[in-house]
Amino acid sequence: MATLNVNQREYTANARPDTPLLWVLRDSLGLTGTKYGCGMALCGACTVHLDGEPVRSCVTPLSAAQGRAVTTIEGLAPSSDHPVQRAWVQEEVAQCGYCQPGQIMSAAALLARTPTPSDADIDAAMAGNLCRCGTYQRIRRAIHAAAKLAGGTR
């Protein structure tokens, strides 16, 4: 049994310590917003925050999350009003939407550490997130818009 702090709530999961965090979140806790993409930390669809830092939950073992704060897309903002989420809608980023939870979590982590990112900052932070629909320009626009919504200027 493992105790986890996910989205500021305590959960108990019956899983082996080497179980990928992704499967604990989805299968044990029912938090299905985090998506399975590649299973090798190459696409970013499974991105969550671990103590505020973006990690690929498909390769993060459950043991690495114990005693740390896990934030999923469901916990980013309870009413879906995080500046990144608002900007995603404003800029109409999503096409198929599958990669978007991971994209949003990576963008939110970027803005938490760099409130007014340059295009180069955005490109570097988002490089590990793949979008098969090719919405990269809209993603960049949305991150700049989110920075403004959050009070950053550029």
Protein backbone atom coordinates (compact mmCIF):
# COMPACT_ATOMS: atom_id res chain seq x y z
CA MET A 1 0.00 0.00 0.00
CA ALA A 2 1.23 3.45 -0.91
CA THR A 3 -0.06 6.77 0.33
CA LEU A 4 0.01 9.60 -2.20
CA ASN A 5 -0.78 13.30 -2.09
CA VAL A 6 -2.52 13.91 -5.42
CA ASN A 7 -4.19 17.23 -6.17
CA GLN A 8 -3.93 18.15 -2.48
CA ARG A 9 -5.81 15.01 -1.39
CA GLU A 10 -4.48 11.90 0.28
CA TYR A 11 -5.00 8.63 -1.56
CA THR A 12 -4.03 5.06 -0.83
CA ALA A 13 -3.05 2.83 -3.73
CA ASN A 14 -2.44 -0.89 -3.68
CA ALA A 15 0.39 -1.15 -6.20
CA ARG A 16 3.98 -2.24 -6.37
CA PRO A 17 6.61 0.49 -5.81
CA ASP A 18 7.87 0.10 -9.40
CA THR A 19 4.41 0.59 -10.95
CA PRO A 20 4.43 3.64 -13.22
CA LEU A 21 2.67 6.58 -11.60
CA LEU A 22 0.53 6.94 -14.74
CA TRP A 23 -1.21 3.62 -14.12
CA VAL A 24 -1.77 4.36 -10.44
CA LEU A 25 -3.36 7.70 -11.34
CA ARG A 26 -5.56 6.27 -14.10
CA ASP A 27 -6.39 2.76 -12.91
CA SER A 28 -6.24 2.99 -9.12
CA LEU A 29 -7.36 6.56 -8.52
CA GLY A 30 -9.62 7.08 -11.55
CA LEU A 31 -7.86 10.28 -12.63
CA THR A 32 -7.99 9.69 -16.37
CA GLY A 33 -7.08 13.18 -17.54
CA THR A 34 -3.42 12.15 -17.71
CA LYS A 35 -2.99 10.26 -20.97
CA TYR A 36 -0.89 7.30 -22.05
CA GLY A 37 1.04 8.14 -25.19
CA CYS A 38 4.25 6.23 -25.79
CA GLY A 39 5.21 4.65 -22.46
CA MET A 40 8.83 5.77 -22.91
CA ALA A 41 8.75 9.46 -21.82
CA LEU A 42 9.11 10.63 -25.41
CA CYS A 43 5.75 12.28 -26.18
CA GLY A 44 4.71 14.20 -23.05
CA ALA A 45 1.06 13.10 -23.03
CA CYS A 46 1.47 11.75 -19.49
CA THR A 47 3.02 14.89 -17.97
CA VAL A 48 2.10 15.67 -14.37
CA HIS A 49 3.77 17.85 -11.75
CA LEU A 50 5.82 16.32 -8.97
CA ASP A 51 6.49 19.03 -6.37
CA GLY A 52 5.74 21.56 -9.12
CA GLU A 53 8.15 20.13 -11.69
CA PRO A 54 6.89 18.45 -14.87
CA VAL A 55 7.61 14.71 -15.04
CA ARG A 56 6.58 11.93 -17.38
CA SER A 57 4.34 9.74 -15.28
CA CYS A 58 4.71 6.76 -17.63
CA VAL A 59 8.31 6.24 -16.42
CA THR A 60 8.05 7.69 -12.90
CA PRO A 61 7.72 4.84 -10.41
CA LEU A 62 5.11 5.06 -7.69
CA SER A 63 7.91 5.00 -5.12
CA ALA A 64 9.28 8.31 -6.48
CA ALA A 65 5.94 10.03 -5.83
CA GLN A 66 5.51 8.98 -2.22
CA GLY A 67 5.93 11.88 0.18
CA ARG A 68 5.73 14.40 -2.67
CA ALA A 69 2.93 16.52 -4.12
CA VAL A 70 1.50 15.18 -7.37
CA THR A 71 -0.64 17.49 -9.50
CA THR A 72 -2.59 16.19 -12.48
CA ILE A 73 -4.59 18.10 -15.05
CA GLU A 74 -7.65 17.59 -12.80
CA GLY A 75 -5.88 19.38 -9.95
CA LEU A 76 -4.27 22.23 -11.86
CA ALA A 77 -7.32 24.42 -11.20
CA PRO A 78 -10.49 22.90 -9.76
CA SER A 79 -12.73 25.13 -11.86
CA SER A 80 -10.52 24.91 -14.98
CA ASP A 81 -9.68 28.61 -14.72
CA HIS A 82 -5.89 28.40 -14.63
CA PRO A 83 -4.48 31.03 -17.00
CA VAL A 84 -3.09 28.30 -19.25
CA GLN A 85 -6.46 26.57 -19.48
CA ARG A 86 -8.21 29.86 -20.21
CA ALA A 87 -5.64 30.76 -22.88
CA TRP A 88 -5.96 27.29 -24.46
CA VAL A 89 -9.66 27.93 -24.99
CA GLN A 90 -9.14 31.54 -26.06
CA GLU A 91 -6.55 30.53 -28.69
CA GLU A 92 -8.53 27.42 -29.76
CA VAL A 93 -5.44 25.25 -29.34
CA ALA A 94 -7.01 21.81 -29.15
CA GLN A 95 -7.69 19.91 -32.32
CA CYS A 96 -7.97 16.23 -31.39
CA GLY A 97 -7.09 17.11 -27.79
CA TYR A 98 -5.27 13.93 -26.81
CA CYS A 99 -1.93 15.57 -26.03
CA GLN A 100 -3.43 18.66 -24.45
CA PRO A 101 -3.34 17.65 -20.76
CA GLY A 102 0.41 17.05 -21.02
CA GLN A 103 0.91 20.22 -23.05
CA ILE A 104 -1.01 22.27 -20.48
CA MET A 105 0.89 20.77 -17.55
CA SER A 106 4.24 21.52 -19.22
CA ALA A 107 3.13 25.07 -20.06
CA ALA A 108 1.91 25.69 -16.49
CA ALA A 109 5.26 24.53 -15.09
CA LEU A 110 7.08 26.82 -17.53
CA LEU A 111 5.03 29.86 -16.49
CA ALA A 112 5.51 29.06 -12.80
CA ARG A 113 9.29 29.40 -13.22
CA THR A 114 9.38 31.89 -16.14
CA PRO A 115 6.38 34.24 -15.93
CA THR A 116 7.24 36.03 -19.18
CA PRO A 117 8.79 33.41 -21.47
CA SER A 118 10.40 34.15 -24.81
CA ASP A 119 9.70 32.01 -27.86
CA ALA A 120 13.01 30.24 -27.16
CA ASP A 121 11.94 29.54 -23.55
CA ILE A 122 8.66 28.11 -24.80
CA ASP A 123 10.32 26.00 -27.47
CA ALA A 124 12.80 24.57 -24.93
CA ALA A 125 10.15 23.83 -22.28
CA MET A 126 7.70 22.29 -24.73
CA ALA A 127 10.20 20.33 -26.85
CA GLY A 128 9.31 17.03 -25.20
CA ASN A 129 5.59 17.37 -25.91
CA LEU A 130 4.43 16.05 -29.25
CA CYS A 131 1.23 17.08 -31.01
CA ARG A 132 0.25 14.90 -33.94
CA CYS A 133 -2.18 17.58 -35.10
CA GLY A 134 0.62 20.15 -35.36
CA THR A 135 -0.91 22.88 -33.19
CA TYR A 136 2.51 24.17 -32.12
CA GLN A 137 1.93 27.77 -33.25
CA ARG A 138 -1.36 27.92 -31.36
CA ILE A 139 0.34 26.42 -28.31
CA ARG A 140 3.02 29.12 -28.40
CA ARG A 141 0.36 31.85 -28.78
CA ALA A 142 -1.61 30.37 -25.89
CA ILE A 143 1.42 30.33 -23.61
CA HIS A 144 2.09 34.00 -24.35
CA ALA A 145 -1.61 34.74 -23.76
CA ALA A 146 -1.54 32.79 -20.47
CA ALA A 147 1.48 34.81 -19.34
CA LYS A 148 -0.52 37.99 -19.92
CA LEU A 149 -3.59 36.57 -18.18
CA ALA A 150 -1.41 35.66 -15.20
CA GLY A 151 -0.01 39.18 -15.01
CA GLY A 152 3.20 38.78 -17.00
CA THR A 153 3.85 41.16 -19.84
CA ARG A 154 5.81 40.72 -23.03
